Amino acid sequence: MTGRRWVPRIGWALVLLLFAVFVWGLGRRASLERTGDEVITMLFVPSVEQGTLVQRGDDFARFMREDVGLSLRIEVPTSYAAVIQALGSGQADLAWMPAFAYVIANARYGAEARLQVVRTSELYVVVVGRTGDGEPATLADLAGRAVAVPANLGRGLRERVVAELDAAAPGWIELPAADDKGAVRRLLDRRLEVAAAVSGYIETGPNDLVGDGRKELEYDRPGTMAATRLLFRTDEPAPEDVTYYHGCILARTDGPRRIEELNGARFAFSDETSTSGHIFPRMLLDRHRVSLGRVYYAGGHPNAVQAVWDGKAEGGAVFFSPANATQREEGLVVGDGRYLILRRMTDAKARRDFLEDVRVVKLTDPIPNDLLAVREGFPEEIFRRFKESFDRLLETDLGGEIFFDVLSAKGAVPTDDSAYDGFREALISAGVDAEGLLEAAERRLEERRREAESGS
């Protein structure tokens, strides 16, 4: 009898002990998750294929777990609105997001900017002369003559072109110009004083009105391209790290060539909450007093490009960036929204025809690159460990591949909230209702949720 009583007593003691351990474990897990020491939830805005994000997210998490013992839970929300909501509710600790989403997350929930994405812009430099008899035909013809050089030329590009001119044209004289377009304008307007002009150069579509000073001036003065010619172009680009990008206005080559010609036109923005595909292009159009006709949101950058190509819209808005080394290896010369259409094509002639048909008319003002934001109250010590491990990751080949595949970038540099004051001012001055745009996006998100629930 005594033994029978003793056995259940031990059993109940064991049960109570296990229960106490379980309760302690739950409390310990909650505490760790609050500090981010055990699990850090990091979000990526969906910008590439889901499979790529999942694979690279796993690689990211594996490295950080092995490096400093931090566990990352990688998630890909369905929209900017979902990212902001997650940071505000504490369901996410870190999020890679565009500037537009960040300023709202900061205003609503106190999210803080910590890292800004850095991309490499690979630019060439050209020397341009006038066409016609007796005009310089080579760099050697510029010896002792004046050359207009833009003040905003990057250091790497400037060093290259100065070295070329010094070697080929001894005694050449530098005349300052404000920018690429200004240098070409001086070449055409001051024929007796200026023999050539220097310009940064981006390889773009054949009919684009952006990419170098000649094309930019062609926008204002048709005939500029015919009146000038290239005397020299660097063989290799000079990489420059940039923390901004642009949006752009697209049109068919047989359609509008100036944005003022889009008055009353059908127009396709990529998405209502897209900075490069709506907000900044809208600001550009408003600044030029363009009143559009039928406006619709195409549901993504490739859809906006397709609408222009098909003639369903006379103009469209997408992101703009030069082609990177990987894209050039694929045989492509553009890295903007048109790339998303070009990469689906395998025929070289079809690609050429497409670029002949659809051109970039004008760029928007610079837009800050995407950034990493942390939720309000995220522990500084945990972020320090994350940042140190992140820096070590980027020093590896794997880290470079991960970051390029996920964010088309080479790395990220420290930033803070003040870096986005100019962006906020631009939105305010343009009368952009950021909150209203987000609320519309949230309504669409909720509608999709209800549709998914009703279909399940």
Protein backbone atom coordinates (compact mmCIF):
# COMPACT_ATOMS: atom_id res chain seq x y z
CA MET A 1 0.00 0.00 0.00
CA THR A 2 2.78 2.36 0.93
CA GLY A 3 4.55 1.72 -2.37
CA ARG A 4 1.36 2.36 -4.32
CA ARG A 5 0.94 5.74 -2.62
CA TRP A 6 4.61 6.64 -3.20
CA VAL A 7 4.53 6.02 -6.97
CA PRO A 8 1.75 8.53 -7.77
CA ARG A 9 3.32 11.11 -5.47
CA ILE A 10 6.50 10.95 -7.55
CA GLY A 11 4.38 11.14 -10.70
CA TRP A 12 2.57 14.27 -9.58
CA ALA A 13 5.83 15.86 -8.51
CA LEU A 14 7.28 15.18 -11.93
CA VAL A 15 4.21 16.61 -13.63
CA LEU A 16 4.40 19.75 -11.50
CA LEU A 17 8.11 20.09 -12.19
CA LEU A 18 7.60 19.72 -15.93
CA PHE A 19 4.76 22.23 -15.83
CA ALA A 20 6.94 24.73 -13.97
CA VAL A 21 9.72 24.27 -16.52
CA PHE A 22 7.22 24.73 -19.34
CA VAL A 23 5.86 27.95 -17.82
CA TRP A 24 9.40 29.22 -17.24
CA GLY A 25 10.25 28.36 -20.84
CA LEU A 26 7.30 30.33 -22.15
CA GLY A 27 8.28 33.32 -20.07
CA ARG A 28 11.90 33.00 -21.15
CA ARG A 29 10.89 32.78 -24.83
CA ALA A 30 8.62 35.82 -24.52
CA SER A 31 11.43 37.75 -22.86
CA LEU A 32 13.94 36.76 -25.51
CA GLU A 33 11.59 37.62 -28.35
CA ARG A 34 10.93 41.01 -26.78
CA THR A 35 14.67 41.75 -26.81
CA GLY A 36 15.22 40.17 -30.18
CA ASP A 37 17.93 37.91 -28.71
CA GLU A 38 16.33 34.68 -29.84
CA VAL A 39 14.26 35.60 -32.87
CA ILE A 40 14.50 38.73 -35.00
CA THR A 41 11.76 39.08 -37.59
CA MET A 42 13.05 40.85 -40.70
CA LEU A 43 10.86 41.80 -43.65
CA PHE A 44 11.66 42.27 -47.32
CA VAL A 45 9.26 44.14 -49.58
CA PRO A 46 8.41 41.79 -52.48
CA SER A 47 10.49 43.08 -55.40
CA VAL A 48 11.80 39.85 -56.94
CA GLU A 49 10.48 36.31 -57.34
CA GLN A 50 9.25 34.70 -54.12
CA GLY A 51 11.57 31.73 -54.56
CA THR A 52 14.62 33.99 -54.74
CA LEU A 53 13.60 35.85 -51.60
CA VAL A 54 13.00 32.63 -49.68
CA GLN A 55 16.31 31.07 -50.73
CA ARG A 56 18.38 34.18 -50.09
CA GLY A 57 16.54 34.86 -46.85
CA ASP A 58 17.52 31.40 -45.64
CA ASP A 59 21.14 32.07 -46.60
CA PHE A 60 21.03 35.39 -44.72
CA ALA A 61 19.57 33.76 -41.60
CA ARG A 62 22.00 30.82 -41.65
CA PHE A 63 25.03 33.11 -41.77
CA MET A 64 23.85 35.30 -38.90
CA ARG A 65 22.93 32.33 -36.71
CA GLU A 66 26.36 30.77 -37.19
CA ASP A 67 28.18 34.10 -36.90
CA VAL A 68 26.68 35.70 -33.79
CA GLY A 69 23.90 33.35 -32.68
CA LEU A 70 21.05 35.60 -33.77
CA SER A 71 18.10 33.83 -35.35
CA LEU A 72 16.39 35.65 -38.20
CA ARG A 73 12.84 34.93 -39.23
CA ILE A 74 12.56 36.21 -42.81
CA GLU A 75 9.10 37.18 -44.06
CA VAL A 76 7.83 38.74 -47.27
CA PRO A 77 4.60 40.72 -46.75
CA THR A 78 2.19 41.36 -49.56
CA SER A 79 2.48 45.15 -49.63
CA TYR A 80 4.11 48.28 -48.23
CA ALA A 81 1.10 48.71 -46.00
CA ALA A 82 1.64 45.27 -44.48
CA VAL A 83 5.28 46.12 -43.75
CA ILE A 84 4.30 49.33 -41.94
CA GLN A 85 1.60 47.54 -39.98
CA ALA A 86 4.05 44.84 -38.91
CA LEU A 87 6.58 47.37 -37.60
CA GLY A 88 3.87 49.29 -35.79
CA SER A 89 2.37 46.24 -34.09
CA GLY A 90 5.71 44.75 -33.08
CA GLN A 91 5.23 41.73 -35.35
CA ALA A 92 8.44 42.73 -37.14
CA ASP A 93 11.72 44.08 -35.80
CA LEU A 94 13.51 45.10 -39.01
CA ALA A 95 12.26 45.89 -42.50
CA TRP A 96 13.87 46.77 -45.82
CA MET A 97 11.51 49.31 -47.33
CA PRO A 98 11.30 52.27 -49.73
CA ALA A 99 11.54 55.85 -48.50
CA PHE A 100 7.82 56.46 -49.02
CA ALA A 101 6.84 53.61 -46.71
CA TYR A 102 9.47 54.63 -44.18
CA VAL A 103 8.33 58.21 -43.64
CA ILE A 104 4.85 56.92 -42.85
CA ALA A 105 6.16 54.18 -40.53
CA ASN A 106 8.24 56.81 -38.75
CA ALA A 107 5.36 59.26 -38.39
CA ARG A 108 2.85 56.63 -37.27
CA TYR A 109 4.89 54.25 -35.18
CA GLY A 110 8.31 55.77 -34.52
CA ALA A 111 10.25 53.39 -36.79
CA GLU A 112 13.86 54.51 -37.21
CA ALA A 113 16.06 54.48 -40.31
CA ARG A 114 19.40 52.73 -39.72
CA LEU A 115 20.92 51.62 -43.05
CA GLN A 116 20.52 52.95 -46.59
CA VAL A 117 21.01 50.76 -49.63
CA VAL A 118 24.02 51.55 -51.83
CA ARG A 119 24.00 50.67 -55.51
CA THR A 120 26.77 50.96 -58.05
CA SER A 121 26.09 53.22 -61.00
CA GLU A 122 28.47 52.43 -63.82
CA LEU A 123 29.01 55.54 -65.94
CA TYR A 124 31.12 56.29 -68.96
CA VAL A 125 32.47 59.67 -70.04
CA VAL A 126 32.38 61.10 -73.55
CA VAL A 127 33.91 64.03 -75.37
CA VAL A 128 31.56 65.62 -77.89
CA GLY A 129 32.30 67.85 -80.86
CA ARG A 130 30.26 69.54 -83.57
CA THR A 131 29.60 68.01 -86.96
CA GLY A 132 30.76 69.80 -90.09
CA ASP A 133 33.90 70.49 -92.13
CA GLY A 134 36.85 71.81 -90.21
CA GLU A 135 35.48 70.76 -86.83
CA PRO A 136 37.62 68.59 -84.48
CA ALA A 137 37.41 64.90 -85.35
CA THR A 138 39.72 63.44 -82.68
CA LEU A 139 41.02 64.36 -79.23
CA ALA A 140 44.31 65.42 -80.82
CA ASP A 141 42.45 68.19 -82.64
CA LEU A 142 41.64 69.76 -79.24
CA ALA A 143 45.26 70.68 -78.42
CA GLY A 144 45.35 74.27 -77.18
CA ARG A 145 41.58 74.64 -77.52
CA ALA A 146 38.77 75.11 -74.99
CA VAL A 147 36.66 72.20 -73.75
CA ALA A 148 33.51 72.67 -71.64
CA VAL A 149 33.59 70.38 -68.59
CA PRO A 150 30.56 69.89 -66.28
CA ALA A 151 31.11 70.72 -62.62
CA ASN A 152 29.00 67.77 -61.46
CA LEU A 153 31.16 65.17 -63.21
CA GLY A 154 32.08 62.39 -60.78
CA ARG A 155 35.64 62.24 -59.52
CA GLY A 156 36.44 58.93 -61.24
CA LEU A 157 35.06 60.12 -64.57
CA ARG A 158 36.86 63.44 -64.33
CA GLU A 159 40.20 61.80 -63.64
CA ARG A 160 39.78 59.55 -66.67
CA VAL A 161 38.84 62.23 -69.17
CA VAL A 162 41.47 64.69 -67.94
CA ALA A 163 44.15 62.00 -68.33
CA GLU A 164 42.97 61.28 -71.88
CA LEU A 165 42.90 64.95 -72.85
CA ASP A 166 46.28 65.65 -71.27
CA ALA A 167 47.84 62.80 -73.24
CA ALA A 168 46.17 63.47 -76.60
CA ALA A 169 45.64 67.27 -76.59
CA PRO A 170 48.46 69.13 -74.81
CA GLY A 171 47.50 72.64 -73.75
CA TRP A 172 43.75 72.08 -73.84
CA ILE A 173 41.80 74.63 -71.78
CA GLU A 174 39.00 73.76 -69.36
CA LEU A 175 35.86 75.90 -69.39
CA PRO A 176 33.41 75.21 -66.54
CA ALA A 177 29.76 74.29 -67.14
CA ALA A 178 27.03 73.53 -64.63
CA ASP A 179 26.17 70.05 -65.84
CA ASP A 180 26.27 67.70 -68.85
CA LYS A 181 23.51 69.47 -70.73
CA GLY A 182 25.05 72.85 -69.97
CA ALA A 183 28.40 71.72 -71.39
CA VAL A 184 26.82 70.64 -74.68
CA ARG A 185 24.80 73.85 -74.82
CA ARG A 186 28.03 75.88 -74.51
CA LEU A 187 29.49 73.85 -77.36
CA LEU A 188 26.60 74.76 -79.67
CA ASP A 189 26.05 78.35 -78.52
CA ARG A 190 29.66 79.54 -78.34
CA ARG A 191 31.10 78.11 -81.51
CA LEU A 192 34.09 80.47 -81.66
CA GLU A 193 35.14 79.83 -78.06
CA VAL A 194 34.36 76.17 -77.33
CA ALA A 195 35.71 73.32 -79.46
CA ALA A 196 34.28 70.35 -77.53
CA ALA A 197 32.25 69.34 -74.47
CA VAL A 198 32.63 66.61 -71.86
CA SER A 199 29.64 64.66 -70.55
CA GLY A 200 28.86 61.70 -68.38
CA TYR A 201 27.32 58.90 -70.44
CA ILE A 202 24.88 56.09 -69.71
CA GLU A 203 24.14 53.53 -72.40
CA THR A 204 20.37 53.70 -72.91
CA GLY A 205 17.79 53.06 -75.59
CA PRO A 206 18.53 54.53 -79.02
CA ASN A 207 15.71 57.07 -78.87
CA ASP A 208 15.86 57.94 -75.18
CA LEU A 209 16.13 61.61 -74.26
CA VAL A 210 18.31 60.87 -71.22
CA GLY A 211 21.74 59.34 -70.76
CA ASP A 212 24.14 62.16 -71.64
CA GLY A 213 24.23 65.89 -72.30
CA ARG A 214 23.43 65.52 -75.99
CA LYS A 215 20.24 63.55 -75.42
CA GLU A 216 19.14 65.81 -72.58
CA LEU A 217 19.59 68.89 -74.78
CA GLU A 218 17.80 67.11 -77.63
CA TYR A 219 14.71 67.18 -75.40
CA ASP A 220 14.82 71.01 -75.42
CA ARG A 221 16.44 71.56 -78.81
CA PRO A 222 15.54 68.98 -81.44
CA GLY A 223 18.46 68.54 -83.83
CA THR A 224 21.15 68.50 -81.14
CA MET A 225 22.05 64.87 -81.85
CA ALA A 226 22.47 65.59 -85.57
CA ALA A 227 24.57 68.69 -84.88
CA THR A 228 27.06 66.86 -82.63
CA ARG A 229 29.20 63.73 -82.71
CA LEU A 230 31.25 61.65 -80.30
CA LEU A 231 34.99 62.21 -80.42
CA PHE A 232 35.83 59.86 -77.57
CA ARG A 233 34.21 57.44 -75.08
CA THR A 234 35.90 55.54 -72.28
CA ASP A 235 36.16 51.79 -72.88
CA GLU A 236 35.27 50.82 -69.32
CA PRO A 237 32.77 52.49 -66.97
CA ALA A 238 33.78 54.16 -63.75
CA PRO A 239 31.73 52.69 -60.89
CA GLU A 240 30.21 55.23 -58.52
CA ASP A 241 28.38 54.36 -55.31
CA VAL A 242 24.99 56.07 -55.17
CA THR A 243 22.25 56.24 -52.56
CA TYR A 244 19.52 57.44 -54.90
CA TYR A 245 17.73 56.49 -58.09
CA HIS A 246 15.09 58.04 -60.36
CA GLY A 247 11.68 57.47 -61.77
CA CYS A 248 11.02 58.23 -65.42
CA ILE A 249 8.31 59.06 -67.93
CA LEU A 250 7.99 56.65 -70.86
CA ALA A 251 6.30 57.12 -74.22
CA ARG A 252 6.29 55.46 -77.61
CA THR A 253 8.89 56.88 -79.98
CA ASP A 254 6.12 57.76 -82.42
CA GLY A 255 4.21 59.50 -79.59
CA PRO A 256 4.91 62.44 -77.28
CA ARG A 257 8.53 63.64 -77.11
CA ARG A 258 7.97 66.21 -74.37
CA ILE A 259 5.96 65.70 -71.21
CA GLU A 260 3.90 68.82 -71.96
CA GLU A 261 2.47 66.85 -74.89
CA LEU A 262 0.86 64.46 -72.39
CA ASN A 263 -1.89 66.97 -71.56
CA GLY A 264 -5.17 65.06 -71.77
CA ALA A 265 -3.36 61.80 -72.53
CA ARG A 266 -4.06 58.29 -71.27
CA PHE A 267 -1.40 57.50 -68.68
CA ALA A 268 -0.32 54.36 -66.80
CA PHE A 269 1.34 54.66 -63.40
CA SER A 270 2.87 51.43 -62.12
CA ASP A 271 1.23 51.48 -58.67
CA GLU A 272 -0.45 54.11 -56.56
CA THR A 273 2.03 53.74 -53.68
CA SER A 274 5.16 53.45 -55.85
CA THR A 275 7.62 56.31 -55.36
CA SER A 276 9.32 55.93 -58.75
CA GLY A 277 6.26 54.67 -60.61
CA HIS A 278 3.77 57.25 -59.37
CA ILE A 279 4.65 59.80 -56.68
CA PHE A 280 7.76 61.42 -58.17
CA PRO A 281 6.55 61.17 -61.79
CA ARG A 282 3.28 62.79 -60.68
CA MET A 283 5.28 65.59 -59.05
CA LEU A 284 7.24 66.07 -62.29
CA LEU A 285 4.07 66.24 -64.38
CA ASP A 286 2.45 68.69 -61.95
CA ARG A 287 5.54 70.92 -62.05
CA HIS A 288 5.15 71.13 -65.82
CA ARG A 289 1.41 71.80 -65.41
CA VAL A 290 0.42 68.63 -67.22
CA SER A 291 -3.22 67.67 -66.74
CA LEU A 292 -3.58 64.00 -67.68
CA GLY A 293 -6.60 62.41 -69.25
CA ARG A 294 -7.55 58.88 -68.21
CA VAL A 295 -5.22 57.66 -65.46
CA TYR A 296 -4.94 54.10 -64.22
CA TYR A 297 -2.59 52.05 -62.07
CA ALA A 298 -1.20 49.13 -64.02
CA GLY A 299 -0.32 46.94 -61.04
CA GLY A 300 3.46 46.92 -61.45
CA HIS A 301 6.33 48.37 -63.47
CA PRO A 302 6.29 45.79 -66.29
CA ASN A 303 2.55 46.30 -66.73
CA ALA A 304 3.02 50.06 -67.11
CA VAL A 305 5.74 49.50 -69.73
CA GLN A 306 3.52 47.03 -71.57
CA ALA A 307 0.63 49.51 -71.62
CA VAL A 308 2.82 52.11 -73.34
CA TRP A 309 4.27 49.60 -75.80
CA ASP A 310 0.79 48.31 -76.73
CA GLY A 311 -0.52 51.85 -77.17
CA LYS A 312 -3.10 51.46 -74.39
CA ALA A 313 -1.46 54.45 -72.71
CA GLU A 314 0.32 57.36 -74.35
CA GLY A 315 2.63 57.71 -71.37
CA GLY A 316 3.75 55.69 -68.39
CA ALA A 317 5.89 55.92 -65.27
CA VAL A 318 8.42 53.38 -63.96
CA PHE A 319 11.75 53.26 -62.12
CA PHE A 320 14.97 54.22 -63.92
CA SER A 321 18.53 53.00 -63.42
CA PRO A 322 21.49 52.31 -65.73
CA ALA A 323 22.19 48.74 -66.77
CA ASN A 324 24.55 46.98 -64.38
CA ALA A 325 27.32 44.54 -65.30
CA THR A 326 25.04 41.50 -64.96
CA GLN A 327 22.41 43.01 -67.25
CA ARG A 328 25.02 43.96 -69.83
CA GLU A 329 26.31 40.39 -69.77
CA GLU A 330 22.76 39.33 -70.64
CA GLY A 331 23.03 41.53 -73.74
CA LEU A 332 20.77 44.26 -72.36
CA VAL A 333 21.56 47.98 -72.43
CA VAL A 334 18.93 49.27 -70.00
CA GLY A 335 18.30 48.62 -66.33
CA ASP A 336 15.04 50.55 -65.94
CA GLY A 337 11.48 49.26 -66.01
CA ARG A 338 11.89 48.16 -69.63
CA TYR A 339 14.40 45.55 -68.48
CA LEU A 340 11.53 43.60 -66.92
CA ILE A 341 10.08 43.17 -70.42
CA LEU A 342 13.39 42.69 -72.23
CA ARG A 343 14.53 39.83 -70.02
CA ARG A 344 11.54 37.79 -71.18
CA MET A 345 12.72 38.10 -74.78
CA THR A 346 15.30 35.77 -76.28
CA ASP A 347 15.44 37.19 -79.81
CA ALA A 348 17.98 40.01 -80.29
CA LYS A 349 15.94 41.67 -83.05
CA ALA A 350 12.81 41.69 -80.90
CA ARG A 351 14.79 43.40 -78.16
CA ARG A 352 16.11 46.04 -80.56
CA ASP A 353 12.65 46.67 -81.98
CA PHE A 354 11.22 47.06 -78.49
CA LEU A 355 13.84 49.65 -77.51
CA GLU A 356 13.24 51.45 -80.79
CA ASP A 357 9.52 51.65 -79.93
CA VAL A 358 9.58 52.67 -76.24
CA ARG A 359 11.77 55.47 -74.97
CA VAL A 360 12.47 57.42 -71.79
CA VAL A 361 11.34 61.02 -72.19
CA LYS A 362 12.42 62.53 -68.87
CA LEU A 363 13.74 61.60 -65.42
CA THR A 364 12.25 62.60 -62.08
CA ASP A 365 14.16 64.23 -59.26
CA PRO A 366 16.48 61.86 -57.33
CA ILE A 367 14.74 59.44 -54.95
CA PRO A 368 16.47 58.04 -51.85
CA ASN A 369 17.33 54.34 -52.11
CA ASP A 370 15.54 51.75 -50.00
CA LEU A 371 16.53 51.51 -46.37
CA LEU A 372 16.51 49.27 -43.33
CA ALA A 373 14.24 50.51 -40.55
CA VAL A 374 13.88 49.16 -37.01
CA ARG A 375 10.75 49.19 -34.92
CA GLU A 376 10.46 51.61 -32.04
CA GLY A 377 12.16 50.25 -28.94
CA PHE A 378 14.29 47.65 -30.68
CA PRO A 379 17.29 47.01 -28.39
CA GLU A 380 20.44 48.86 -29.40
CA GLU A 381 22.71 46.01 -28.30
CA ILE A 382 20.88 43.55 -30.54
CA PHE A 383 21.06 45.91 -33.49
CA ARG A 384 24.80 46.39 -32.90
CA ARG A 385 25.33 42.62 -33.11
CA PHE A 386 23.13 42.45 -36.20
CA LYS A 387 25.03 45.29 -37.92
CA GLU A 388 28.46 43.83 -37.16
CA SER A 389 27.41 40.44 -38.52
CA PHE A 390 25.78 42.09 -41.53
CA ASP A 391 29.04 43.92 -42.33
CA ARG A 392 30.95 40.64 -42.16
CA LEU A 393 28.40 39.00 -44.44
CA LEU A 394 28.88 41.69 -47.08
CA GLU A 395 32.62 41.02 -47.10
CA THR A 396 31.95 37.50 -48.39
CA ASP A 397 31.06 36.43 -51.91
CA LEU A 398 27.85 34.91 -50.57
CA GLY A 399 26.86 38.20 -48.97
CA GLY A 400 27.38 40.09 -52.21
CA GLU A 401 25.21 37.59 -54.06
CA ILE A 402 22.46 37.70 -51.44
CA PHE A 403 22.23 41.47 -51.37
CA PHE A 404 22.31 41.83 -55.14
CA ASP A 405 19.66 39.14 -55.66
CA VAL A 406 17.31 40.60 -53.05
CA LEU A 407 17.82 44.37 -53.38
CA SER A 408 19.92 44.79 -56.56
CA ALA A 409 22.52 46.49 -54.41
CA LYS A 410 26.13 46.12 -53.29
CA GLY A 411 25.66 47.05 -49.66
CA ALA A 412 24.26 49.54 -47.17
CA VAL A 413 25.67 52.48 -45.24
CA PRO A 414 24.56 53.99 -41.91
CA THR A 415 21.80 56.58 -42.10
CA ASP A 416 19.31 58.26 -39.82
CA ASP A 417 15.93 59.95 -39.99
CA SER A 418 17.32 63.36 -40.94
CA ALA A 419 18.46 61.97 -44.30
CA TYR A 420 14.78 61.83 -45.34
CA ASP A 421 13.82 65.40 -44.45
CA GLY A 422 14.29 66.51 -48.06
CA PHE A 423 12.10 63.65 -49.24
CA ARG A 424 9.36 64.69 -46.82
CA GLU A 425 9.59 68.29 -47.97
CA ALA A 426 9.27 67.20 -51.60
CA LEU A 427 6.09 65.27 -50.80
CA ILE A 428 4.62 68.19 -48.86
CA SER A 429 5.50 70.80 -51.49
CA ALA A 430 3.91 68.65 -54.18
CA GLY A 431 0.76 68.18 -52.10
CA VAL A 432 1.17 64.41 -52.03
CA ASP A 433 -1.19 62.83 -49.49
CA ALA A 434 1.05 60.00 -48.31
CA GLU A 435 -1.39 58.89 -45.62
CA GLY A 436 -4.22 58.80 -48.13
CA LEU A 437 -2.19 56.66 -50.51
CA LEU A 438 -1.31 54.25 -47.72
CA GLU A 439 -4.92 54.01 -46.56
CA ALA A 440 -5.93 53.10 -50.11
CA ALA A 441 -3.23 50.43 -50.17
CA GLU A 442 -4.41 49.10 -46.82
CA ARG A 443 -7.97 48.87 -48.11
CA ARG A 444 -6.76 46.84 -51.07
CA LEU A 445 -4.76 44.62 -48.71
CA GLU A 446 -7.82 44.00 -46.58
CA GLU A 447 -9.90 43.22 -49.68
CA ARG A 448 -7.33 40.64 -50.78
CA ARG A 449 -7.37 39.08 -47.32
CA ARG A 450 -11.14 38.75 -47.38
CA GLU A 451 -11.05 37.27 -50.86
CA ALA A 452 -8.42 34.75 -49.77
CA GLU A 453 -10.45 33.80 -46.68
CA SER A 454 -13.66 33.40 -48.67
CA GLY A 455 -11.90 31.24 -51.25
CA SER A 456 -10.35 28.91 -48.68
